[in-house]
Protein backbone atom coordinates (compact mmCIF):
# COMPACT_ATOMS: atom_id res chain seq x y z
CA MET A 1 0.00 0.00 0.00
CA PRO A 2 2.71 2.58 0.83
CA LEU A 3 4.44 1.74 -2.45
CA VAL A 4 1.27 2.49 -4.43
CA LEU A 5 0.81 5.73 -2.52
CA MET A 6 4.41 6.75 -3.31
CA PHE A 7 3.85 6.01 -6.99
CA VAL A 8 0.66 8.11 -7.07
CA ILE A 9 2.42 11.04 -5.39
CA PHE A 10 5.40 10.65 -7.74
CA TYR A 11 3.06 10.62 -10.75
CA PHE A 12 1.17 13.78 -9.80
CA LEU A 13 4.22 15.75 -8.65
CA LEU A 14 6.73 14.79 -11.34
CA ILE A 15 5.45 12.83 -14.32
CA ARG A 16 2.18 14.60 -15.07
CA PRO A 17 3.56 18.17 -14.99
CA GLN A 18 6.42 17.11 -17.27
CA GLN A 19 3.96 15.56 -19.75
CA LYS A 20 1.90 18.76 -19.73
CA LYS A 21 5.00 20.89 -20.36
CA ALA A 22 6.09 18.60 -23.24
CA LYS A 23 2.62 18.83 -24.81
CA GLU A 24 2.68 22.64 -24.62
CA HIS A 25 6.14 22.65 -26.26
CA ARG A 26 4.95 20.39 -29.10
CA GLU A 27 1.94 22.67 -29.70
CA MET A 28 4.17 25.76 -29.68
CA ILE A 29 6.51 24.18 -32.26
CA ALA A 30 3.56 23.15 -34.44
CA ASN A 31 2.21 26.72 -34.41
CA LEU A 32 5.44 28.47 -35.43
CA LYS A 33 5.20 30.67 -38.51
CA LYS A 34 7.41 32.95 -40.57
CA GLY A 35 8.10 36.23 -38.76
CA ASP A 36 7.80 34.81 -35.23
CA LYS A 37 10.46 35.82 -32.72
CA ILE A 38 12.04 32.83 -30.99
CA VAL A 39 14.72 31.78 -28.52
CA THR A 40 16.69 28.61 -29.20
CA SER A 41 17.63 26.06 -26.57
CA GLY A 42 21.14 27.53 -26.79
CA GLY A 43 19.88 31.01 -25.91
CA ILE A 44 20.09 32.55 -29.38
CA TYR A 45 17.37 35.09 -30.19
CA GLY A 46 16.11 35.48 -33.73
CA ILE A 47 13.24 35.81 -36.19
CA ILE A 48 11.99 32.93 -38.33
CA THR A 49 12.62 33.67 -42.02
CA GLY A 50 11.88 30.26 -43.52
CA MET A 51 10.47 26.87 -42.62
CA ASP A 52 10.73 23.29 -43.79
CA ASP A 53 9.24 20.07 -42.41
CA ASN A 54 11.86 19.58 -39.69
CA THR A 55 14.00 22.69 -39.93
CA ILE A 56 13.58 26.43 -39.62
CA THR A 57 15.80 29.26 -40.82
CA VAL A 58 16.34 31.99 -38.25
CA GLU A 59 17.84 35.43 -38.81
CA ILE A 60 19.95 36.23 -35.75
CA ALA A 61 21.55 39.45 -37.04
CA ASP A 62 21.42 41.57 -40.17
CA LYS A 63 22.05 39.14 -43.07
CA VAL A 64 23.08 36.34 -40.67
CA ARG A 65 20.89 33.26 -40.84
CA ILE A 66 21.15 29.86 -39.22
CA LYS A 67 19.25 26.66 -39.88
CA LEU A 68 17.86 24.81 -36.85
CA ASN A 69 15.95 21.68 -36.07
CA ARG A 70 12.44 22.63 -34.90
CA ALA A 71 13.00 20.77 -31.62
CA ASN A 72 15.75 23.27 -30.69
CA VAL A 73 13.26 26.12 -30.34
CA ALA A 74 12.86 26.79 -26.63
CA GLY A 75 10.08 29.35 -26.97
CA ALA A 76 9.24 32.95 -27.69
CA PRO A 77 11.15 35.75 -25.93
CA SER A 78 7.91 36.89 -24.27
CA GLN A 79 7.39 33.37 -22.88
CA SER A 80 10.90 33.36 -21.42
CA ALA A 81 10.30 36.70 -19.74
CA LYS A 82 6.95 35.54 -18.34
CA ASN A 83 8.53 32.39 -16.93
CA ALA A 84 11.29 34.44 -15.30
CA ASP A 85 8.76 36.89 -13.85
CA THR A 86 6.54 34.17 -12.41
CA GLY A 87 9.56 32.52 -10.86
CA LYS A 88 10.52 35.80 -9.16
CA ASP A 89 6.96 36.36 -7.92
CA LYS A 90 6.88 32.97 -6.22
CA THR A 91 10.08 33.57 -4.26
CA THR A 92 9.21 37.02 -2.90
């Protein structure tokens, strides 16, 4: 019985929130379009200039473009700022 209880707690505190976050990330990647501002998983900011099935082309500076796998998009700059702000609000 205690083992089942531990598994249930583990599921609701760790597994389920991670699944929800992964689903939101997949939806965000599916909804990307040309002209969107993004942040890569490496912390590079840019604007989407082209898209393919699995890759996107991002302009990171004037006439400087890089090609990325869609999975390497971490989010939009506004999402990163919101996440940082909510983290600060919780600690104060």
